[in-house]
Amino acid sequence: MVIGLTVLCIVLVMIIGLMGLEIRRINRELAYINTHETNIEVTTNTNWPPFNKLAKSINESLSKTHQARIKRIEQERQIKQMLTNLTHDIKTPLTVAIGYIQLLSKNHDGDQNQARYQRIENNLLEVNYYLHYLMDFNLLQEKNSQLSISKVDVSKVLEKTLFNYYDELTAKGLHMAIHIQPGVEIRTDKTLLERAFQNLISNLLKYGHTDAEITLRDKDVEHFEIIFRNHTLQAANETAQLTDRFYTQDTQSDRRSTGLGLDIVRSLVTTLGGQLHVTSQDDTFTSTITFRYRQLTNDR
C-alpha cells in the first residue's frame, strides 16, 4: 500500500513538473512572439488535451491580433494617401485663387473694395500657410520609413534655397547678412534638408523685422551649424516650448502663430539626425541647427 502511494506521488510530481516545464516553454514562445515581427504560432510538445486547447486558443488570439494589425496599417496607409491627395488637390485651386485676388487688387488700386480684397487675400494666404505645413507633415510620415540618403553639399543647398526666396526677401525689405562657409558636405536626405531651410526662411519672412542674418559655419571639428537670426517687433517668451506642436505664440498681433512651423522644422532636423535650438533675447530671435559631419553614413 505504502509502495503504491509512493509510486503515485512520484508520478504526480513528474506530471506536475512536466506541466510546469511546458507552461514555461509556452511563456518563452509568447515572449518571443510579442517582441518580434513574426507569424509563428505557439506549439506544444505534449498530446495532453488541456495543453492542445490552450495552444489553439492562444494561436487564435494571435491570428486575430495579427489581422487587426494588418487592417490598421492598411487604414493608416489609406488615410496618409487621402491626405496627400487632398493637399495636392487643394493646392492648385488655392494658388490660382491667390493669384487672381492679387491681380484684382493690383488692377483696382484705390477701389472702394480694396480692403475686402486684402482680407480675402490674407485669408487665402493663411489657408495656404497651414496647407504648406500639412504637406510637410505628410512628407515626414513618408520619409520616416525610408530616407533617400546621398552625399549633399549643404552650402549649395542653402544658397539655392535663399536664391529661390530672393524676391520675397527683397519685397520684405530685410537687411540680409549672409555668411555661408563653402564645401560643407554630409550624407543626408536632400529633400528634408531643403524643407527645413524653406520653413526657417518662411518663418524669418513672417516675423523678421529690419535685419536678418543667416550663417553656415563649423561649430567644432565634428559639427557644423546653420544659424537663422532675425529682429522681431516683440520678444518671444518661453522659447523652450516653441518647438512643441501644441504650443503657439504670436510675436506680432497680426501674424499667424509660430509653434506649428518650428515643430515641423524640429521634426525634419531630428529625422536627419540633427538638433534644433531656439533662443530669444530682447528683440532677437535665433534658430540654430546643428549637424555632425560623420552621420547617416550608410544608405538606408
Protein backbone atom coordinates (compact mmCIF):
# COMPACT_ATOMS: atom_id res chain seq x y z
CA MET A 1 0.00 0.00 0.00
CA VAL A 2 2.77 2.38 1.01
CA ILE A 3 4.77 1.49 -2.08
CA GLY A 4 1.74 2.16 -4.27
CA LEU A 5 1.19 5.59 -2.72
CA THR A 6 4.87 6.40 -3.11
CA VAL A 7 4.83 5.49 -6.78
CA LEU A 8 1.63 7.52 -7.26
CA CYS A 9 3.22 10.56 -5.61
CA ILE A 10 6.31 10.22 -7.78
CA VAL A 11 4.16 10.02 -10.93
CA LEU A 12 2.13 13.08 -9.86
CA VAL A 13 5.29 15.05 -9.14
CA MET A 14 6.64 14.11 -12.56
CA ILE A 15 3.40 15.13 -14.25
CA ILE A 16 3.30 18.45 -12.38
CA GLY A 17 6.96 19.03 -13.26
CA LEU A 18 6.33 18.32 -16.94
CA MET A 19 3.32 20.65 -16.88
CA GLY A 20 5.45 23.37 -15.32
CA LEU A 21 8.13 22.93 -17.98
CA GLU A 22 5.53 23.06 -20.77
CA ILE A 23 3.96 26.23 -19.34
CA ARG A 24 7.39 27.91 -19.09
CA ARG A 25 8.17 26.90 -22.67
CA ILE A 26 4.88 28.34 -23.92
CA ASN A 27 5.61 31.56 -21.98
CA ARG A 28 9.02 31.82 -23.68
CA GLU A 29 7.41 31.39 -27.09
CA LEU A 30 4.82 34.07 -26.29
CA ALA A 31 7.54 36.43 -25.04
CA TYR A 32 9.43 35.97 -28.32
CA ILE A 33 6.30 36.48 -30.42
CA ASN A 34 5.41 39.67 -28.51
CA THR A 35 8.86 41.19 -29.00
CA HIS A 36 9.47 40.26 -32.67
CA GLU A 37 7.77 40.79 -36.00
CA THR A 38 6.85 37.18 -36.73
CA ASN A 39 3.96 34.99 -37.81
CA ILE A 40 5.00 31.91 -35.85
CA GLU A 41 2.48 30.23 -33.56
CA VAL A 42 2.65 28.71 -30.10
CA THR A 43 3.37 24.96 -30.12
CA THR A 44 3.07 22.21 -27.53
CA ASN A 45 5.30 19.18 -27.04
CA THR A 46 2.60 17.13 -25.35
CA ASN A 47 -0.55 15.42 -26.52
CA TRP A 48 -2.47 16.40 -23.42
CA PRO A 49 -5.85 17.83 -24.43
CA PRO A 50 -5.66 20.80 -21.98
CA PHE A 51 -2.36 22.00 -23.50
CA ASN A 52 -3.58 21.42 -27.04
CA LYS A 53 -6.69 23.51 -26.32
CA LEU A 54 -4.58 26.20 -24.65
CA ALA A 55 -2.20 26.41 -27.63
CA LYS A 56 -5.14 26.54 -30.05
CA SER A 57 -6.84 29.37 -28.13
CA ILE A 58 -3.60 31.37 -27.92
CA ASN A 59 -2.96 30.94 -31.65
CA GLU A 60 -6.49 32.07 -32.49
CA SER A 61 -5.94 35.22 -30.41
CA LEU A 62 -2.57 35.81 -32.09
CA SER A 63 -4.16 35.41 -35.52
CA LYS A 64 -6.91 37.91 -34.72
CA THR A 65 -4.34 40.39 -33.37
CA HIS A 66 -2.21 39.96 -36.49
CA GLN A 67 -5.17 40.52 -38.80
CA ALA A 68 -6.22 43.60 -36.80
CA ARG A 69 -2.68 45.00 -37.09
CA ILE A 70 -2.65 44.44 -40.86
CA LYS A 71 -6.02 46.17 -41.15
CA ARG A 72 -4.84 49.10 -39.02
CA ILE A 73 -1.68 49.53 -41.12
CA GLU A 74 -3.73 49.49 -44.31
CA GLN A 75 -6.16 52.05 -42.88
CA GLU A 76 -3.27 54.30 -41.87
CA ARG A 77 -1.81 53.98 -45.36
CA GLN A 78 -5.14 54.91 -46.91
CA ILE A 79 -5.50 57.91 -44.60
CA LYS A 80 -1.98 59.13 -45.46
CA GLN A 81 -2.71 58.70 -49.15
CA MET A 82 -6.00 60.53 -48.80
CA LEU A 83 -4.28 63.44 -47.01
CA THR A 84 -1.61 63.58 -49.69
CA ASN A 85 -4.19 63.61 -52.47
CA LEU A 86 -6.32 66.22 -50.70
CA THR A 87 -3.41 68.59 -50.05
CA HIS A 88 -2.32 68.43 -53.68
CA ASP A 89 -5.90 68.82 -54.93
CA ILE A 90 -6.39 71.89 -52.70
CA LYS A 91 -3.00 73.42 -53.51
CA THR A 92 -3.66 74.08 -57.22
CA PRO A 93 -7.00 75.96 -56.99
CA LEU A 94 -5.75 77.78 -53.88
CA THR A 95 -2.67 79.03 -55.73
CA VAL A 96 -4.86 80.14 -58.65
CA ALA A 97 -7.26 81.95 -56.28
CA ILE A 98 -4.38 83.77 -54.57
CA GLY A 99 -3.01 84.82 -57.96
CA TYR A 100 -6.39 86.14 -59.10
CA ILE A 101 -7.07 88.13 -55.93
CA GLN A 102 -3.57 89.65 -56.04
CA LEU A 103 -4.09 90.61 -59.69
CA LEU A 104 -7.54 92.01 -58.93
CA SER A 105 -6.16 94.03 -56.03
CA LYS A 106 -3.30 95.38 -58.15
CA ASN A 107 -5.50 96.34 -61.11
CA HIS A 108 -8.06 98.07 -58.92
CA ASP A 109 -5.76 100.08 -56.68
CA GLY A 110 -7.83 102.70 -54.88
CA ASP A 111 -11.05 100.77 -55.43
CA GLN A 112 -13.53 101.04 -52.55
CA ASN A 113 -13.37 97.25 -52.27
CA GLN A 114 -9.59 97.28 -51.76
CA ALA A 115 -9.92 96.46 -48.07
CA ARG A 116 -12.12 93.48 -48.90
CA TYR A 117 -9.61 92.26 -51.47
CA GLN A 118 -6.90 92.45 -48.83
CA ARG A 119 -8.95 90.49 -46.29
CA ILE A 120 -9.68 87.79 -48.88
CA GLU A 121 -6.01 87.58 -49.80
CA ASN A 122 -4.97 87.35 -46.13
CA ASN A 123 -7.44 84.52 -45.51
CA LEU A 124 -6.28 82.63 -48.59
CA LEU A 125 -2.65 83.05 -47.54
CA GLU A 126 -3.50 81.73 -44.07
CA VAL A 127 -5.10 78.61 -45.58
CA ASN A 128 -2.03 78.22 -47.79
CA TYR A 129 0.19 78.58 -44.70
CA TYR A 130 -1.43 75.65 -42.90
CA LEU A 131 -1.70 73.60 -46.07
CA HIS A 132 2.05 74.06 -46.51
CA TYR A 133 2.73 72.50 -43.10
CA LEU A 134 0.23 69.70 -43.66
CA MET A 135 2.18 68.78 -46.80
CA ASP A 136 5.40 68.81 -44.77
CA PHE A 137 3.79 66.58 -42.16
CA ASN A 138 2.78 64.10 -44.87
CA LEU A 139 6.30 64.21 -46.29
CA LEU A 140 7.72 63.38 -42.87
CA GLN A 141 5.41 60.40 -42.50
CA GLU A 142 6.59 59.05 -45.84
CA LYS A 143 10.28 59.70 -45.18
CA ASN A 144 10.32 58.21 -41.67
CA SER A 145 10.21 54.72 -43.12
CA GLN A 146 12.80 55.24 -45.87
CA LEU A 147 15.20 58.17 -46.16
CA SER A 148 16.86 58.87 -49.52
CA ILE A 149 20.45 59.19 -48.35
CA SER A 150 23.10 60.69 -50.62
CA LYS A 151 26.10 62.99 -50.43
CA VAL A 152 24.75 66.54 -50.14
CA ASP A 153 26.57 69.88 -50.37
CA VAL A 154 24.76 71.74 -47.59
CA SER A 155 26.34 75.06 -48.60
CA LYS A 156 24.93 74.87 -52.13
CA VAL A 157 21.50 73.71 -50.92
CA LEU A 158 21.27 76.69 -48.57
CA GLU A 159 22.45 79.11 -51.28
CA LYS A 160 19.92 77.75 -53.78
CA THR A 161 17.08 77.95 -51.25
CA LEU A 162 17.95 81.55 -50.42
CA PHE A 163 18.08 82.42 -54.12
CA ASN A 164 14.58 81.00 -54.59
CA TYR A 165 13.34 83.35 -51.86
CA TYR A 166 15.25 86.38 -53.19
CA ASP A 167 12.15 88.24 -54.47
CA GLU A 168 10.24 87.72 -51.22
CA LEU A 169 13.21 88.78 -49.09
CA THR A 170 13.66 91.87 -51.25
CA ALA A 171 9.96 92.77 -51.02
CA LYS A 172 10.12 92.31 -47.25
CA GLY A 173 12.82 94.98 -47.07
CA LEU A 174 15.03 92.99 -44.70
CA HIS A 175 18.69 93.92 -44.49
CA MET A 176 20.25 90.48 -45.01
CA ALA A 177 23.68 89.43 -43.75
CA ILE A 178 24.60 86.04 -45.26
CA HIS A 179 27.72 84.09 -44.33
CA ILE A 180 27.92 80.63 -45.89
CA GLN A 181 31.03 78.53 -45.48
CA PRO A 182 31.61 76.73 -48.80
CA GLY A 183 32.04 73.00 -49.24
CA VAL A 184 30.13 71.75 -46.18
CA GLU A 185 29.06 68.21 -47.09
CA ILE A 186 27.33 65.32 -45.33
CA ARG A 187 25.33 62.28 -46.31
CA THR A 188 21.67 63.06 -45.69
CA ASP A 189 18.22 63.32 -47.28
CA LYS A 190 18.34 66.38 -49.53
CA THR A 191 14.57 66.82 -49.74
CA LEU A 192 14.07 67.01 -45.97
CA LEU A 193 17.07 69.33 -45.60
CA GLU A 194 15.62 71.72 -48.19
CA ARG A 195 12.24 71.68 -46.44
CA ALA A 196 13.89 72.58 -43.11
CA PHE A 197 15.65 75.56 -44.74
CA GLN A 198 12.46 76.65 -46.52
CA ASN A 199 10.47 76.59 -43.30
CA LEU A 200 13.05 78.63 -41.39
CA ILE A 201 13.27 81.21 -44.18
CA SER A 202 9.46 81.40 -44.28
CA ASN A 203 9.48 81.93 -40.51
CA LEU A 204 12.04 84.70 -40.98
CA LEU A 205 9.87 86.35 -43.65
CA LYS A 206 6.80 86.28 -41.42
CA TYR A 207 8.36 87.53 -38.21
CA GLY A 208 11.60 89.23 -39.25
CA HIS A 209 11.91 92.98 -38.76
CA THR A 210 14.54 95.27 -40.32
CA ASP A 211 17.52 92.90 -40.09
CA ALA A 212 18.21 89.21 -40.52
CA GLU A 213 21.30 87.03 -40.60
CA ILE A 214 21.91 83.53 -41.95
CA THR A 215 25.19 81.78 -41.15
CA LEU A 216 26.62 78.37 -42.05
CA ARG A 217 29.88 77.60 -40.25
CA ASP A 218 31.89 74.97 -38.40
CA LYS A 219 30.99 74.67 -34.74
CA ASP A 220 33.94 72.39 -33.92
CA VAL A 221 35.92 69.67 -35.66
CA GLU A 222 32.97 67.25 -35.63
CA HIS A 223 29.97 69.58 -36.02
CA PHE A 224 28.68 72.45 -38.12
CA GLU A 225 25.73 74.75 -37.51
CA ILE A 226 23.26 76.79 -39.53
CA ILE A 227 22.04 79.91 -37.72
CA PHE A 228 18.92 81.88 -38.66
CA ARG A 229 18.77 85.13 -36.66
CA ASN A 230 16.32 88.00 -37.05
CA HIS A 231 14.99 91.01 -35.21
CA THR A 232 11.33 90.96 -34.18
CA LEU A 233 8.86 93.61 -33.10
CA GLN A 234 8.32 91.73 -29.86
CA ALA A 235 10.45 89.26 -27.91
CA ALA A 236 9.27 85.64 -27.95
CA ASN A 237 8.73 84.22 -24.46
CA GLU A 238 9.16 80.61 -23.34
CA THR A 239 11.32 79.64 -26.34
CA ALA A 240 11.81 76.14 -24.92
CA GLN A 241 8.15 75.43 -25.77
CA LEU A 242 8.11 76.96 -29.26
CA THR A 243 9.07 73.67 -30.91
CA ASP A 244 6.08 71.97 -29.25
CA ARG A 245 3.35 71.23 -31.81
CA PHE A 246 0.65 72.15 -29.30
CA TYR A 247 2.17 75.43 -28.15
CA THR A 248 1.79 78.59 -30.19
CA GLN A 249 2.70 82.21 -29.65
CA ASP A 250 2.13 85.34 -31.70
CA THR A 251 5.17 87.57 -31.85
CA GLN A 252 3.08 90.08 -33.77
CA SER A 253 -0.62 90.52 -33.25
CA ASP A 254 -1.43 90.47 -36.97
CA ARG A 255 0.61 87.38 -37.75
CA ARG A 256 0.00 83.67 -37.52
CA SER A 257 1.40 81.58 -34.66
CA THR A 258 4.95 80.24 -34.78
CA GLY A 259 4.58 76.92 -32.96
CA LEU A 260 3.50 74.71 -35.85
CA GLY A 261 6.30 75.81 -38.18
CA LEU A 262 9.07 75.31 -35.63
CA ASP A 263 7.67 71.91 -34.67
CA ILE A 264 7.87 70.84 -38.33
CA VAL A 265 11.47 72.09 -38.51
CA ARG A 266 12.33 70.20 -35.32
CA SER A 267 10.81 67.01 -36.76
CA LEU A 268 12.67 67.44 -40.07
CA VAL A 269 16.01 68.10 -38.37
CA THR A 270 15.58 65.29 -35.83
CA THR A 271 14.73 62.83 -38.62
CA LEU A 272 18.04 63.80 -40.27
CA GLY A 273 19.96 63.20 -37.04
CA GLY A 274 20.46 66.87 -36.15
CA GLN A 275 19.32 69.18 -33.39
CA LEU A 276 17.28 72.40 -33.40
CA HIS A 277 17.77 75.00 -30.67
CA VAL A 278 15.81 78.28 -30.45
CA THR A 279 16.57 81.30 -28.28
CA SER A 280 15.16 84.79 -27.87
CA GLN A 281 16.92 87.73 -26.30
CA ASP A 282 15.35 91.19 -26.29
CA ASP A 283 14.20 91.68 -29.91
CA THR A 284 16.43 89.00 -31.46
CA PHE A 285 15.15 85.51 -32.29
CA THR A 286 17.63 82.76 -33.20
CA SER A 287 17.13 79.26 -34.60
CA THR A 288 20.23 77.07 -34.70
CA ILE A 289 20.50 73.73 -36.48
CA THR A 290 23.47 71.52 -35.57
CA PHE A 291 24.66 68.50 -37.55
CA ARG A 292 27.58 66.13 -37.20
CA TYR A 293 29.88 65.74 -40.17
CA ARG A 294 30.01 61.94 -39.71
CA GLN A 295 26.34 60.92 -39.64
CA LEU A 296 23.94 58.82 -41.70
CA THR A 297 26.96 57.21 -43.29
CA ASN A 298 25.11 54.24 -44.74
CA ASP A 299 22.34 54.27 -47.30
CA ARG A 300 19.10 53.05 -45.83
